[in-house]
């Protein structure tokens, strides 16, 4: 199980990586930008569960269920689920995304970050 500090570190590392190839929402790799944003969201969610419930979700399915069932997080589930779906499409379905999707994904990630930041 990852610690609170490890989740915070992963969030920052993923943001730093994102910043190496995305500038103002523009990138030659929009699919990968979405994947990185999804994993930033994963660590925000796990940071919440670690800090507020002293628990850890073992996989994506468990995390999705935990999000839906937690009254504090259910309000951001649609944002998280969209990032999850887009990330899977980018990784496994060879979906092609435009930079416009990067901007949409960033809005969803910002919603997640801002909401969880108020809880922890």
PDB file of N, CA and C in Angstrom:
ATOM      1  N   UNK A   1       0.847  -1.175   0.000  1.00  0.00           N
ATOM      2  CA  UNK A   1       0.000   0.000   0.000  1.00  0.00           C
ATOM      3  C   UNK A   1       0.891   1.237   0.000  1.00  0.00           C
ATOM      4  N   UNK A   2       0.563   2.180  -0.857  1.00  0.00           N
ATOM      5  CA  UNK A   2       1.332   3.416  -0.941  1.00  0.00           C
ATOM      6  C   UNK A   2       0.996   4.340   0.229  1.00  0.00           C
ATOM      7  N   UNK A   3       1.960   5.136   0.601  1.00  0.00           N
ATOM      8  CA  UNK A   3       1.760   6.093   1.686  1.00  0.00           C
ATOM      9  C   UNK A   3       1.203   7.405   1.131  1.00  0.00           C
ATOM     10  N   UNK A   4       0.761   8.253   2.030  1.00  0.00           N
ATOM     11  CA  UNK A   4       0.287   9.576   1.639  1.00  0.00           C
ATOM     12  C   UNK A   4       1.391  10.321   0.896  1.00  0.00           C
ATOM     13  N   UNK A   5       2.585  10.274   1.415  1.00  0.00           N
ATOM     14  CA  UNK A   5       3.718  10.966   0.780  1.00  0.00           C
ATOM     15  C   UNK A   5       3.993  10.407  -0.621  1.00  0.00           C
ATOM     16  N   UNK A   6       3.874   9.110  -0.785  1.00  0.00           N
ATOM     17  CA  UNK A   6       4.107   8.507  -2.097  1.00  0.00           C
ATOM     18  C   UNK A   6       3.056   8.950  -3.109  1.00  0.00           C
ATOM     19  N   UNK A   7       1.796   9.046  -2.678  1.00  0.00           N
ATOM     20  CA  UNK A   7       0.750   9.534  -3.590  1.00  0.00           C
ATOM     21  C   UNK A   7       1.010  10.986  -3.984  1.00  0.00           C
ATOM     22  N   UNK A   8       1.382  11.796  -3.025  1.00  0.00           N
ATOM     23  CA  UNK A   8       1.694  13.200  -3.326  1.00  0.00           C
ATOM     24  C   UNK A   8       2.867  13.288  -4.300  1.00  0.00           C
ATOM     25  N   UNK A   9       3.864  12.454  -4.085  1.00  0.00           N
ATOM     26  CA  UNK A   9       5.030  12.435  -4.960  1.00  0.00           C
ATOM     27  C   UNK A   9       4.647  12.008  -6.381  1.00  0.00           C
ATOM     28  N   UNK A  10       3.801  10.987  -6.498  1.00  0.00           N
ATOM     29  CA  UNK A  10       3.364  10.521  -7.816  1.00  0.00           C
ATOM     30  C   UNK A  10       2.556  11.587  -8.533  1.00  0.00           C
ATOM     31  N   UNK A  11       1.699  12.303  -7.791  1.00  0.00           N
ATOM     32  CA  UNK A  11       0.936  13.396  -8.399  1.00  0.00           C
ATOM     33  C   UNK A  11       1.899  14.408  -9.001  1.00  0.00           C
ATOM     34  N   UNK A  12       2.890  14.830  -8.226  1.00  0.00           N
ATOM     35  CA  UNK A  12       3.828  15.839  -8.703  1.00  0.00           C
ATOM     36  C   UNK A  12       4.693  15.311  -9.854  1.00  0.00           C
ATOM     37  N   UNK A  13       5.162  14.079  -9.742  1.00  0.00           N
ATOM     38  CA  UNK A  13       5.968  13.501 -10.824  1.00  0.00           C
ATOM     39  C   UNK A  13       5.182  13.424 -12.123  1.00  0.00           C
ATOM     40  N   UNK A  14       3.917  13.016 -12.046  1.00  0.00           N
ATOM     41  CA  UNK A  14       3.091  12.936 -13.248  1.00  0.00           C
ATOM     42  C   UNK A  14       2.823  14.319 -13.830  1.00  0.00           C
ATOM     43  N   UNK A  15       2.623  15.318 -12.962  1.00  0.00           N
ATOM     44  CA  UNK A  15       2.429  16.687 -13.445  1.00  0.00           C
ATOM     45  C   UNK A  15       3.699  17.201 -14.126  1.00  0.00           C
ATOM     46  N   UNK A  16       4.841  16.914 -13.524  1.00  0.00           N
ATOM     47  CA  UNK A  16       6.112  17.343 -14.124  1.00  0.00           C
ATOM     48  C   UNK A  16       6.310  16.683 -15.489  1.00  0.00           C
ATOM     49  N   UNK A  17       5.988  15.398 -15.575  1.00  0.00           N
ATOM     50  CA  UNK A  17       6.098  14.691 -16.851  1.00  0.00           C
ATOM     51  C   UNK A  17       5.150  15.291 -17.881  1.00  0.00           C
ATOM     52  N   UNK A  18       3.916  15.531 -17.501  1.00  0.00           N
ATOM     53  CA  UNK A  18       2.919  16.147 -18.381  1.00  0.00           C
ATOM     54  C   UNK A  18       3.447  17.464 -18.937  1.00  0.00           C
ATOM     55  N   UNK A  19       4.037  18.270 -18.073  1.00  0.00           N
ATOM     56  CA  UNK A  19       4.544  19.582 -18.484  1.00  0.00           C
ATOM     57  C   UNK A  19       5.692  19.499 -19.484  1.00  0.00           C
ATOM     58  N   UNK A  20       6.319  18.335 -19.636  1.00  0.00           N
ATOM     59  CA  UNK A  20       7.413  18.207 -20.608  1.00  0.00           C
ATOM     60  C   UNK A  20       6.913  18.107 -22.041  1.00  0.00           C
ATOM     61  N   UNK A  21       5.627  17.764 -22.231  1.00  0.00           N
ATOM     62  CA  UNK A  21       5.150  17.625 -23.609  1.00  0.00           C
ATOM     63  C   UNK A  21       3.787  18.266 -23.886  1.00  0.00           C
ATOM     64  N   UNK A  22       3.257  19.009 -22.927  1.00  0.00           N
ATOM     65  CA  UNK A  22       2.003  19.740 -23.133  1.00  0.00           C
ATOM     66  C   UNK A  22       2.223  21.193 -22.740  1.00  0.00           C
ATOM     67  N   UNK A  23       1.897  22.093 -23.656  1.00  0.00           N
ATOM     68  CA  UNK A  23       2.016  23.524 -23.388  1.00  0.00           C
ATOM     69  C   UNK A  23       0.672  24.166 -23.711  1.00  0.00           C
ATOM     70  N   UNK A  24       0.035  24.736 -22.681  1.00  0.00           N
ATOM     71  CA  UNK A  24      -1.284  25.374 -22.834  1.00  0.00           C
ATOM     72  C   UNK A  24      -2.290  24.469 -23.541  1.00  0.00           C
ATOM     73  N   UNK A  25      -2.281  23.209 -23.205  1.00  0.00           N
ATOM     74  CA  UNK A  25      -3.231  22.259 -23.780  1.00  0.00           C
ATOM     75  C   UNK A  25      -2.848  21.751 -25.150  1.00  0.00           C
ATOM     76  N   UNK A  26      -1.755  22.226 -25.692  1.00  0.00           N
ATOM     77  CA  UNK A  26      -1.322  21.812 -27.026  1.00  0.00           C
ATOM     78  C   UNK A  26      -0.186  20.797 -26.924  1.00  0.00           C
ATOM     79  N   UNK A  27      -0.325  19.726 -27.686  1.00  0.00           N
ATOM     80  CA  UNK A  27       0.687  18.678 -27.662  1.00  0.00           C
ATOM     81  C   UNK A  27       0.612  17.845 -28.932  1.00  0.00           C
ATOM     82  N   UNK A  28       1.712  17.219 -29.277  1.00  0.00           N
ATOM     83  CA  UNK A  28       1.726  16.264 -30.380  1.00  0.00           C
ATOM     84  C   UNK A  28       1.271  14.884 -29.918  1.00  0.00           C
ATOM     85  N   UNK A  29       1.030  14.739 -28.614  1.00  0.00           N
ATOM     86  CA  UNK A  29       0.673  13.444 -28.036  1.00  0.00           C
ATOM     87  C   UNK A  29      -0.562  13.569 -27.133  1.00  0.00           C
ATOM     88  N   UNK A  30      -1.704  13.957 -27.691  1.00  0.00           N
ATOM     89  CA  UNK A  30      -2.884  14.171 -26.851  1.00  0.00           C
ATOM     90  C   UNK A  30      -3.359  12.915 -26.124  1.00  0.00           C
ATOM     91  N   UNK A  31      -3.246  11.759 -26.749  1.00  0.00           N
ATOM     92  CA  UNK A  31      -3.641  10.523 -26.073  1.00  0.00           C
ATOM     93  C   UNK A  31      -2.821  10.276 -24.832  1.00  0.00           C
ATOM     94  N   UNK A  32      -1.521  10.477 -24.930  1.00  0.00           N
ATOM     95  CA  UNK A  32      -0.662  10.271 -23.764  1.00  0.00           C
ATOM     96  C   UNK A  32      -0.909  11.339 -22.707  1.00  0.00           C
ATOM     97  N   UNK A  33      -1.237  12.551 -23.128  1.00  0.00           N
ATOM     98  CA  UNK A  33      -1.564  13.593 -22.157  1.00  0.00           C
ATOM     99  C   UNK A  33      -2.778  13.174 -21.325  1.00  0.00           C
ATOM    100  N   UNK A  34      -3.767  12.591 -21.989  1.00  0.00           N
ATOM    101  CA  UNK A  34      -4.969  12.125 -21.294  1.00  0.00           C
ATOM    102  C   UNK A  34      -4.629  10.978 -20.349  1.00  0.00           C
ATOM    103  N   UNK A  35      -3.770  10.075 -20.788  1.00  0.00           N
ATOM    104  CA  UNK A  35      -3.360   8.960 -19.925  1.00  0.00           C
ATOM    105  C   UNK A  35      -2.676   9.492 -18.664  1.00  0.00           C
ATOM    106  N   UNK A  36      -1.778  10.440 -18.827  1.00  0.00           N
ATOM    107  CA  UNK A  36      -1.067  11.002 -17.672  1.00  0.00           C
ATOM    108  C   UNK A  36      -2.045  11.712 -16.742  1.00  0.00           C
ATOM    109  N   UNK A  37      -2.997  12.460 -17.311  1.00  0.00           N
ATOM    110  CA  UNK A  37      -3.982  13.134 -16.460  1.00  0.00           C
ATOM    111  C   UNK A  37      -4.822  12.123 -15.689  1.00  0.00           C
ATOM    112  N   UNK A  38      -5.172  11.015 -16.326  1.00  0.00           N
ATOM    113  CA  UNK A  38      -5.917   9.985 -15.619  1.00  0.00           C
ATOM    114  C   UNK A  38      -5.117   9.471 -14.420  1.00  0.00           C
ATOM    115  N   UNK A  39      -3.824   9.217 -14.617  1.00  0.00           N
ATOM    116  CA  UNK A  39      -3.032   8.702 -13.496  1.00  0.00           C
ATOM    117  C   UNK A  39      -2.781   9.752 -12.418  1.00  0.00           C
ATOM    118  N   UNK A  40      -2.809  11.013 -12.782  1.00  0.00           N
ATOM    119  CA  UNK A  40      -2.791  12.058 -11.754  1.00  0.00           C
ATOM    120  C   UNK A  40      -4.072  11.942 -10.924  1.00  0.00           C
ATOM    121  N   UNK A  41      -5.198  11.763 -11.610  1.00  0.00           N
ATOM    122  CA  UNK A  41      -6.488  11.609 -10.919  1.00  0.00           C
ATOM    123  C   UNK A  41      -6.484  10.372 -10.021  1.00  0.00           C
ATOM    124  N   UNK A  42      -5.919   9.275 -10.504  1.00  0.00           N
ATOM    125  CA  UNK A  42      -5.841   8.050  -9.699  1.00  0.00           C
ATOM    126  C   UNK A  42      -5.146   8.343  -8.375  1.00  0.00           C
ATOM    127  N   UNK A  43      -4.040   9.039  -8.424  1.00  0.00           N
ATOM    128  CA  UNK A  43      -3.292   9.297  -7.192  1.00  0.00           C
ATOM    129  C   UNK A  43      -3.986  10.317  -6.296  1.00  0.00           C
ATOM    130  N   UNK A  44      -4.752  11.242  -6.864  1.00  0.00           N
ATOM    131  CA  UNK A  44      -5.570  12.114  -6.025  1.00  0.00           C
ATOM    132  C   UNK A  44      -6.610  11.289  -5.271  1.00  0.00           C
ATOM    133  N   UNK A  45      -7.273  10.385  -5.984  1.00  0.00           N
ATOM    134  CA  UNK A  45      -8.296   9.548  -5.360  1.00  0.00           C
ATOM    135  C   UNK A  45      -7.669   8.661  -4.284  1.00  0.00           C
ATOM    136  N   UNK A  46      -6.538   8.042  -4.603  1.00  0.00           N
ATOM    137  CA  UNK A  46      -5.882   7.173  -3.624  1.00  0.00           C
ATOM    138  C   UNK A  46      -5.343   7.973  -2.437  1.00  0.00           C
ATOM    139  N   UNK A  47      -4.908   9.190  -2.686  1.00  0.00           N
ATOM    140  CA  UNK A  47      -4.489  10.059  -1.589  1.00  0.00           C
ATOM    141  C   UNK A  47      -5.666  10.299  -0.642  1.00  0.00           C
ATOM    142  N   UNK A  48      -6.829  10.578  -1.198  1.00  0.00           N
ATOM    143  CA  UNK A  48      -8.024  10.766  -0.381  1.00  0.00           C
ATOM    144  C   UNK A  48      -8.321   9.518   0.451  1.00  0.00           C
ATOM    145  N   UNK A  49      -8.363   8.350  -0.191  1.00  0.00           N
ATOM    146  CA  UNK A  49      -8.698   7.125   0.542  1.00  0.00           C
ATOM    147  C   UNK A  49      -7.640   6.804   1.600  1.00  0.00           C
ATOM    148  N   UNK A  50      -6.390   7.056   1.272  1.00  0.00           N
ATOM    149  CA  UNK A  50      -5.315   6.797   2.223  1.00  0.00           C
ATOM    150  C   UNK A  50      -5.413   7.732   3.431  1.00  0.00           C
ATOM    151  N   UNK A  51      -5.616   9.010   3.153  1.00  0.00           N
ATOM    152  CA  UNK A  51      -5.614  10.000   4.226  1.00  0.00           C
ATOM    153  C   UNK A  51      -6.912   9.994   5.038  1.00  0.00           C
ATOM    154  N   UNK A  52      -8.031   9.829   4.377  1.00  0.00           N
ATOM    155  CA  UNK A  52      -9.326   9.963   5.060  1.00  0.00           C
ATOM    156  C   UNK A  52      -9.909   8.650   5.564  1.00  0.00           C
ATOM    157  N   UNK A  53      -9.504   7.534   4.945  1.00  0.00           N
ATOM    158  CA  UNK A  53     -10.078   6.246   5.336  1.00  0.00           C
ATOM    159  C   UNK A  53      -9.025   5.189   5.669  1.00  0.00           C
ATOM    160  N   UNK A  54      -7.749   5.541   5.501  1.00  0.00           N
ATOM    161  CA  UNK A  54      -6.653   4.607   5.734  1.00  0.00           C
ATOM    162  C   UNK A  54      -6.845   3.301   4.957  1.00  0.00           C
ATOM    163  N   UNK A  55      -7.301   3.458   3.699  1.00  0.00           N
ATOM    164  CA  UNK A  55      -7.512   2.307   2.824  1.00  0.00           C
ATOM    165  C   UNK A  55      -6.824   2.535   1.492  1.00  0.00           C
ATOM    166  N   UNK A  56      -6.743   1.464   0.720  1.00  0.00           N
ATOM    167  CA  UNK A  56      -6.133   1.503  -0.601  1.00  0.00           C
ATOM    168  C   UNK A  56      -6.958   0.610  -1.519  1.00  0.00           C
ATOM    169  N   UNK A  57      -7.207   1.078  -2.722  1.00  0.00           N
ATOM    170  CA  UNK A  57      -7.921   0.268  -3.714  1.00  0.00           C
ATOM    171  C   UNK A  57      -6.914  -0.523  -4.531  1.00  0.00           C
ATOM    172  N   UNK A  58      -7.171  -1.803  -4.695  1.00  0.00           N
ATOM    173  CA  UNK A  58      -6.212  -2.701  -5.328  1.00  0.00           C
ATOM    174  C   UNK A  58      -6.177  -2.592  -6.850  1.00  0.00           C
ATOM    175  N   UNK A  59      -7.258  -2.119  -7.449  1.00  0.00           N
ATOM    176  CA  UNK A  59      -7.305  -2.068  -8.921  1.00  0.00           C
ATOM    177  C   UNK A  59      -8.343  -1.039  -9.364  1.00  0.00           C
ATOM    178  N   UNK A  60      -8.446  -0.855 -10.675  1.00  0.00           N
ATOM    179  CA  UNK A  60      -9.359   0.159 -11.203  1.00  0.00           C
ATOM    180  C   UNK A  60     -10.817  -0.157 -10.875  1.00  0.00           C
ATOM    181  N   UNK A  61     -11.214  -1.403 -10.972  1.00  0.00           N
ATOM    182  CA  UNK A  61     -12.607  -1.769 -10.687  1.00  0.00           C
ATOM    183  C   UNK A  61     -12.977  -1.449  -9.250  1.00  0.00           C
ATOM    184  N   UNK A  62     -12.096  -1.806  -8.335  1.00  0.00           N
ATOM    185  CA  UNK A  62     -12.344  -1.523  -6.916  1.00  0.00           C
ATOM    186  C   UNK A  62     -12.410  -0.018  -6.671  1.00  0.00           C
ATOM    187  N   UNK A  63     -11.497   0.713  -7.311  1.00  0.00           N
ATOM    188  CA  UNK A  63     -11.462   2.175  -7.142  1.00  0.00           C
ATOM    189  C   UNK A  63     -12.750   2.799  -7.697  1.00  0.00           C
ATOM    190  N   UNK A  64     -13.196   2.333  -8.847  1.00  0.00           N
ATOM    191  CA  UNK A  64     -14.436   2.863  -9.422  1.00  0.00           C
ATOM    192  C   UNK A  64     -15.612   2.646  -8.471  1.00  0.00           C
ATOM    193  N   UNK A  65     -15.705   1.448  -7.902  1.00  0.00           N
ATOM    194  CA  UNK A  65     -16.777   1.165  -6.940  1.00  0.00           C
ATOM    195  C   UNK A  65     -16.654   2.055  -5.703  1.00  0.00           C
ATOM    196  N   UNK A  66     -15.434   2.220  -5.219  1.00  0.00           N
ATOM    197  CA  UNK A  66     -15.217   3.054  -4.032  1.00  0.00           C
ATOM    198  C   UNK A  66     -15.627   4.502  -4.281  1.00  0.00           C
ATOM    199  N   UNK A  67     -15.322   5.000  -5.462  1.00  0.00           N
ATOM    200  CA  UNK A  67     -15.702   6.370  -5.812  1.00  0.00           C
ATOM    201  C   UNK A  67     -17.213   6.541  -5.806  1.00  0.00           C
ATOM    202  N   UNK A  68     -17.908   5.618  -6.423  1.00  0.00           N
ATOM    203  CA  UNK A  68     -19.362   5.691  -6.503  1.00  0.00           C
ATOM    204  C   UNK A  68     -19.986   5.617  -5.118  1.00  0.00           C
ATOM    205  N   UNK A  69     -19.429   4.792  -4.261  1.00  0.00           N
ATOM    206  CA  UNK A  69     -20.013   4.530  -2.948  1.00  0.00           C
ATOM    207  C   UNK A  69     -19.603   5.520  -1.863  1.00  0.00           C
ATOM    208  N   UNK A  70     -18.621   6.349  -2.123  1.00  0.00           N
ATOM    209  CA  UNK A  70     -18.190   7.331  -1.125  1.00  0.00           C
ATOM    210  C   UNK A  70     -18.961   8.632  -1.345  1.00  0.00           C
ATOM    211  N   UNK A  71     -19.732   9.027  -0.364  1.00  0.00           N
ATOM    212  CA  UNK A  71     -20.584  10.211  -0.520  1.00  0.00           C
ATOM    213  C   UNK A  71     -19.780  11.487  -0.773  1.00  0.00           C
ATOM    214  N   UNK A  72     -18.542  11.532  -0.339  1.00  0.00           N
ATOM    215  CA  UNK A  72     -17.701  12.709  -0.591  1.00  0.00           C
ATOM    216  C   UNK A  72     -17.149  12.755  -2.010  1.00  0.00           C
ATOM    217  N   UNK A  73     -17.041  11.607  -2.650  1.00  0.00           N
ATOM    218  CA  UNK A  73     -16.426  11.551  -3.975  1.00  0.00           C
ATOM    219  C   UNK A  73     -17.397  11.288  -5.111  1.00  0.00           C
ATOM    220  N   UNK A  74     -18.579  10.842  -4.809  1.00  0.00           N
ATOM    221  CA  UNK A  74     -19.516  10.497  -5.875  1.00  0.00           C
ATOM    222  C   UNK A  74     -19.798  11.674  -6.804  1.00  0.00           C
ATOM    223  N   UNK A  75     -19.660  12.899  -6.298  1.00  0.00           N
ATOM    224  CA  UNK A  75     -19.905  14.088  -7.123  1.00  0.00           C
ATOM    225  C   UNK A  75     -18.857  14.271  -8.229  1.00  0.00           C
ATOM    226  N   UNK A  76     -17.683  13.666  -8.070  1.00  0.00           N
ATOM    227  CA  UNK A  76     -16.651  13.789  -9.109  1.00  0.00           C
ATOM    228  C   UNK A  76     -16.507  12.515  -9.931  1.00  0.00           C
ATOM    229  N   UNK A  77     -17.368  11.550  -9.665  1.00  0.00           N
ATOM    230  CA  UNK A  77     -17.244  10.275 -10.376  1.00  0.00           C
ATOM    231  C   UNK A  77     -17.368  10.448 -11.886  1.00  0.00           C
ATOM    232  N   UNK A  78     -18.263  11.277 -12.357  1.00  0.00           N
ATOM    233  CA  UNK A  78     -18.418  11.437 -13.807  1.00  0.00           C
ATOM    234  C   UNK A  78     -17.146  11.996 -14.442  1.00  0.00           C
ATOM    235  N   UNK A  79     -16.471  12.919 -13.754  1.00  0.00           N
ATOM    236  CA  UNK A  79     -15.197  13.447 -14.265  1.00  0.00           C
ATOM    237  C   UNK A  79     -14.131  12.354 -14.280  1.00  0.00           C
ATOM    238  N   UNK A  80     -14.052  11.623 -13.192  1.00  0.00           N
ATOM    239  CA  UNK A  80     -13.065  10.538 -13.091  1.00  0.00           C
ATOM    240  C   UNK A  80     -13.340   9.461 -14.139  1.00  0.00           C
ATOM    241  N   UNK A  81     -14.592   9.067 -14.262  1.00  0.00           N
ATOM    242  CA  UNK A  81     -14.959   7.997 -15.197  1.00  0.00           C
ATOM    243  C   UNK A  81     -14.663   8.394 -16.639  1.00  0.00           C
ATOM    244  N   UNK A  82     -14.888   9.644 -16.976  1.00  0.00           N
ATOM    245  CA  UNK A  82     -14.580  10.109 -18.336  1.00  0.00           C
ATOM    246  C   UNK A  82     -13.074  10.020 -18.591  1.00  0.00           C
ATOM    247  N   UNK A  83     -12.245  10.451 -17.631  1.00  0.00           N
ATOM    248  CA  UNK A  83     -10.792  10.318 -17.788  1.00  0.00           C
ATOM    249  C   UNK A  83     -10.397   8.848 -17.907  1.00  0.00           C
ATOM    250  N   UNK A  84     -11.012   8.009 -17.094  1.00  0.00           N
ATOM    251  CA  UNK A  84     -10.760   6.562 -17.145  1.00  0.00           C
ATOM    252  C   UNK A  84     -11.087   6.015 -18.534  1.00  0.00           C
ATOM    253  N   UNK A  85     -12.258   6.359 -19.042  1.00  0.00           N
ATOM    254  CA  UNK A  85     -12.684   5.860 -20.357  1.00  0.00           C
ATOM    255  C   UNK A  85     -11.785   6.368 -21.476  1.00  0.00           C
ATOM    256  N   UNK A  86     -11.476   7.663 -21.452  1.00  0.00           N
ATOM    257  CA  UNK A  86     -10.606   8.221 -22.482  1.00  0.00           C
ATOM    258  C   UNK A  86      -9.209   7.611 -22.407  1.00  0.00           C
ATOM    259  N   UNK A  87      -8.715   7.397 -21.201  1.00  0.00           N
ATOM    260  CA  UNK A  87      -7.396   6.809 -21.019  1.00  0.00           C
ATOM    261  C   UNK A  87      -7.353   5.386 -21.588  1.00  0.00           C
ATOM    262  N   UNK A  88      -8.379   4.611 -21.280  1.00  0.00           N
ATOM    263  CA  UNK A  88      -8.456   3.241 -21.820  1.00  0.00           C
ATOM    264  C   UNK A  88      -8.529   3.260 -23.345  1.00  0.00           C
ATOM    265  N   UNK A  89      -9.322   4.177 -23.881  1.00  0.00           N
ATOM    266  CA  UNK A  89      -9.451   4.281 -25.337  1.00  0.00           C
ATOM    267  C   UNK A  89      -8.104   4.632 -25.968  1.00  0.00           C
ATOM    268  N   UNK A  90      -7.364   5.524 -25.332  1.00  0.00           N
ATOM    269  CA  UNK A  90      -6.044   5.909 -25.852  1.00  0.00           C
ATOM    270  C   UNK A  90      -5.061   4.751 -25.782  1.00  0.00           C
ATOM    271  N   UNK A  91      -5.115   3.987 -24.705  1.00  0.00           N
ATOM    272  CA  UNK A  91      -4.147   2.909 -24.504  1.00  0.00           C
ATOM    273  C   UNK A  91      -4.485   1.640 -25.280  1.00  0.00           C
ATOM    274  N   UNK A  92      -5.754   1.262 -25.301  1.00  0.00           N
ATOM    275  CA  UNK A  92      -6.106  -0.068 -25.808  1.00  0.00           C
ATOM    276  C   UNK A  92      -6.888  -0.072 -27.108  1.00  0.00           C
ATOM    277  N   UNK A  93      -7.503   1.042 -27.461  1.00  0.00           N
ATOM    278  CA  UNK A  93      -8.325   1.074 -28.669  1.00  0.00           C
ATOM    279  C   UNK A  93      -7.713   1.919 -29.767  1.00  0.00           C
ATOM    280  N   UNK A  94      -6.516   2.425 -29.530  1.00  0.00           N
ATOM    281  CA  UNK A  94      -5.819   3.275 -30.497  1.00  0.00           C
ATOM    282  C   UNK A  94      -6.672   4.471 -30.916  1.00  0.00           C
ATOM    283  N   UNK A  95      -7.485   4.969 -29.991  1.00  0.00           N
ATOM    284  CA  UNK A  95      -8.311   6.145 -30.275  1.00  0.00           C
ATOM    285  C   UNK A  95      -7.418   7.354 -30.521  1.00  0.00           C
ATOM    286  N   UNK A  96      -7.853   8.200 -31.419  1.00  0.00           N
ATOM    287  CA  UNK A  96      -7.113   9.412 -31.745  1.00  0.00           C
ATOM    288  C   UNK A  96      -7.842  10.589 -31.102  1.00  0.00           C
ATOM    289  N   UNK A  97      -7.112  11.354 -30.319  1.00  0.00           N
ATOM    290  CA  UNK A  97      -7.677  12.510 -29.629  1.00  0.00           C
ATOM    291  C   UNK A  97      -7.033  13.784 -30.147  1.00  0.00           C
ATOM    292  N   UNK A  98      -7.815  14.835 -30.176  1.00  0.00           N
ATOM    293  CA  UNK A  98      -7.296  16.148 -30.559  1.00  0.00           C
ATOM    294  C   UNK A  98      -6.882  16.910 -29.301  1.00  0.00           C
ATOM    295  N   UNK A  99      -6.224  18.036 -29.499  1.00  0.00           N
ATOM    296  CA  UNK A  99      -5.843  18.872 -28.363  1.00  0.00           C
ATOM    297  C   UNK A  99      -7.073  19.402 -27.637  1.00  0.00           C
ATOM    298  N   UNK A 100      -8.203  19.486 -28.328  1.00  0.00           N
ATOM    299  CA  UNK A 100      -9.436  19.921 -27.665  1.00  0.00           C
ATOM    300  C   UNK A 100      -9.803  18.952 -26.542  1.00  0.00           C
ATOM    301  N   UNK A 101      -9.537  17.667 -26.733  1.00  0.00           N
ATOM    302  CA  UNK A 101      -9.805  16.690 -25.673  1.00  0.00           C
ATOM    303  C   UNK A 101      -8.855  16.877 -24.498  1.00  0.00           C
ATOM    304  N   UNK A 102      -7.653  17.313 -24.777  1.00  0.00           N
ATOM    305  CA  UNK A 102      -6.694  17.579 -23.698  1.00  0.00           C
ATOM    306  C   UNK A 102      -7.241  18.686 -22.796  1.00  0.00           C
ATOM    307  N   UNK A 103      -7.799  19.708 -23.408  1.00  0.00           N
ATOM    308  CA  UNK A 103      -8.378  20.814 -22.637  1.00  0.00           C
ATOM    309  C   UNK A 103      -9.582  20.312 -21.830  1.00  0.00           C
ATOM    310  N   UNK A 104     -10.440  19.506 -22.451  1.00  0.00           N
ATOM    311  CA  UNK A 104     -11.594  18.937 -21.737  1.00  0.00           C
ATOM    312  C   UNK A 104     -11.133  18.052 -20.582  1.00  0.00           C
ATOM    313  N   UNK A 105     -10.118  17.249 -20.835  1.00  0.00           N
ATOM    314  CA  UNK A 105      -9.599  16.363 -19.796  1.00  0.00           C
ATOM    315  C   UNK A 105      -9.011  17.174 -18.641  1.00  0.00           C
ATOM    316  N   UNK A 106      -8.320  18.262 -18.958  1.00  0.00           N
ATOM    317  CA  UNK A 106      -7.742  19.103 -17.904  1.00  0.00           C
ATOM    318  C   UNK A 106      -8.830  19.722 -17.045  1.00  0.00           C
ATOM    319  N   UNK A 107      -9.931  20.116 -17.648  1.00  0.00           N
ATOM    320  CA  UNK A 107     -11.059  20.654 -16.879  1.00  0.00           C
ATOM    321  C   UNK A 107     -11.570  19.598 -15.904  1.00  0.00           C
ATOM    322  N   UNK A 108     -11.702  18.367 -16.375  1.00  0.00           N
ATOM    323  CA  UNK A 108     -12.172  17.281 -15.511  1.00  0.00           C
ATOM    324  C   UNK A 108     -11.161  16.993 -14.395  1.00  0.00           C
ATOM    325  N   UNK A 109      -9.873  16.978 -14.732  1.00  0.00           N
ATOM    326  CA  UNK A 109      -8.847  16.760 -13.709  1.00  0.00           C
ATOM    327  C   UNK A 109      -8.868  17.886 -12.680  1.00  0.00           C
ATOM    328  N   UNK A 110      -9.011  19.124 -13.138  1.00  0.00           N
ATOM    329  CA  UNK A 110      -9.076  20.252 -12.203  1.00  0.00           C
ATOM    330  C   UNK A 110     -10.256  20.109 -11.249  1.00  0.00           C
ATOM    331  N   UNK A 111     -11.402  19.639 -11.760  1.00  0.00           N
ATOM    332  CA  UNK A 111     -12.566  19.411 -10.894  1.00  0.00           C
ATOM    333  C   UNK A 111     -12.230  18.398  -9.807  1.00  0.00           C
ATOM    334  N   UNK A 112     -11.556  17.333 -10.192  1.00  0.00           N
ATOM    335  CA  UNK A 112     -11.177  16.278  -9.243  1.00  0.00           C
ATOM    336  C   UNK A 112     -10.202  16.817  -8.202  1.00  0.00           C
ATOM    337  N   UNK A 113      -9.150  17.464  -8.674  1.00  0.00           N
ATOM    338  CA  UNK A 113      -8.137  18.005  -7.761  1.00  0.00           C
ATOM    339  C   UNK A 113      -8.742  19.008  -6.787  1.00  0.00           C
ATOM    340  N   UNK A 114      -9.517  19.938  -7.301  1.00  0.00           N
ATOM    341  CA  UNK A 114     -10.101  20.978  -6.449  1.00  0.00           C
ATOM    342  C   UNK A 114     -11.039  20.390  -5.414  1.00  0.00           C
ATOM    343  N   UNK A 115     -11.837  19.429  -5.823  1.00  0.00           N
ATOM    344  CA  UNK A 115     -12.774  18.824  -4.876  1.00  0.00           C
ATOM    345  C   UNK A 115     -12.037  18.038  -3.775  1.00  0.00           C
ATOM    346  N   UNK A 116     -11.111  17.198  -4.179  1.00  0.00           N
ATOM    347  CA  UNK A 116     -10.404  16.397  -3.186  1.00  0.00           C
ATOM    348  C   UNK A 116      -9.556  17.266  -2.274  1.00  0.00           C
ATOM    349  N   UNK A 117      -8.993  18.332  -2.809  1.00  0.00           N
ATOM    350  CA  UNK A 117      -8.186  19.243  -1.981  1.00  0.00           C
ATOM    351  C   UNK A 117      -9.014  19.835  -0.834  1.00  0.00           C
ATOM    352  N   UNK A 118     -10.307  20.004  -1.032  1.00  0.00           N
ATOM    353  CA  UNK A 118     -11.157  20.527   0.042  1.00  0.00           C
ATOM    354  C   UNK A 118     -11.439  19.479   1.111  1.00  0.00           C
ATOM    355  N   UNK A 119     -11.208  18.202   0.788  1.00  0.00           N
ATOM    356  CA  UNK A 119     -11.541  17.116   1.706  1.00  0.00           C
ATOM    357  C   UNK A 119     -10.365  16.636   2.548  1.00  0.00           C
ATOM    358  N   UNK A 120      -9.159  16.894   2.082  1.00  0.00           N
ATOM    359  CA  UNK A 120      -8.002  16.310   2.778  1.00  0.00           C
ATOM    360  C   UNK A 120      -7.223  17.312   3.613  1.00  0.00           C
TER     361      UNK A 120
END
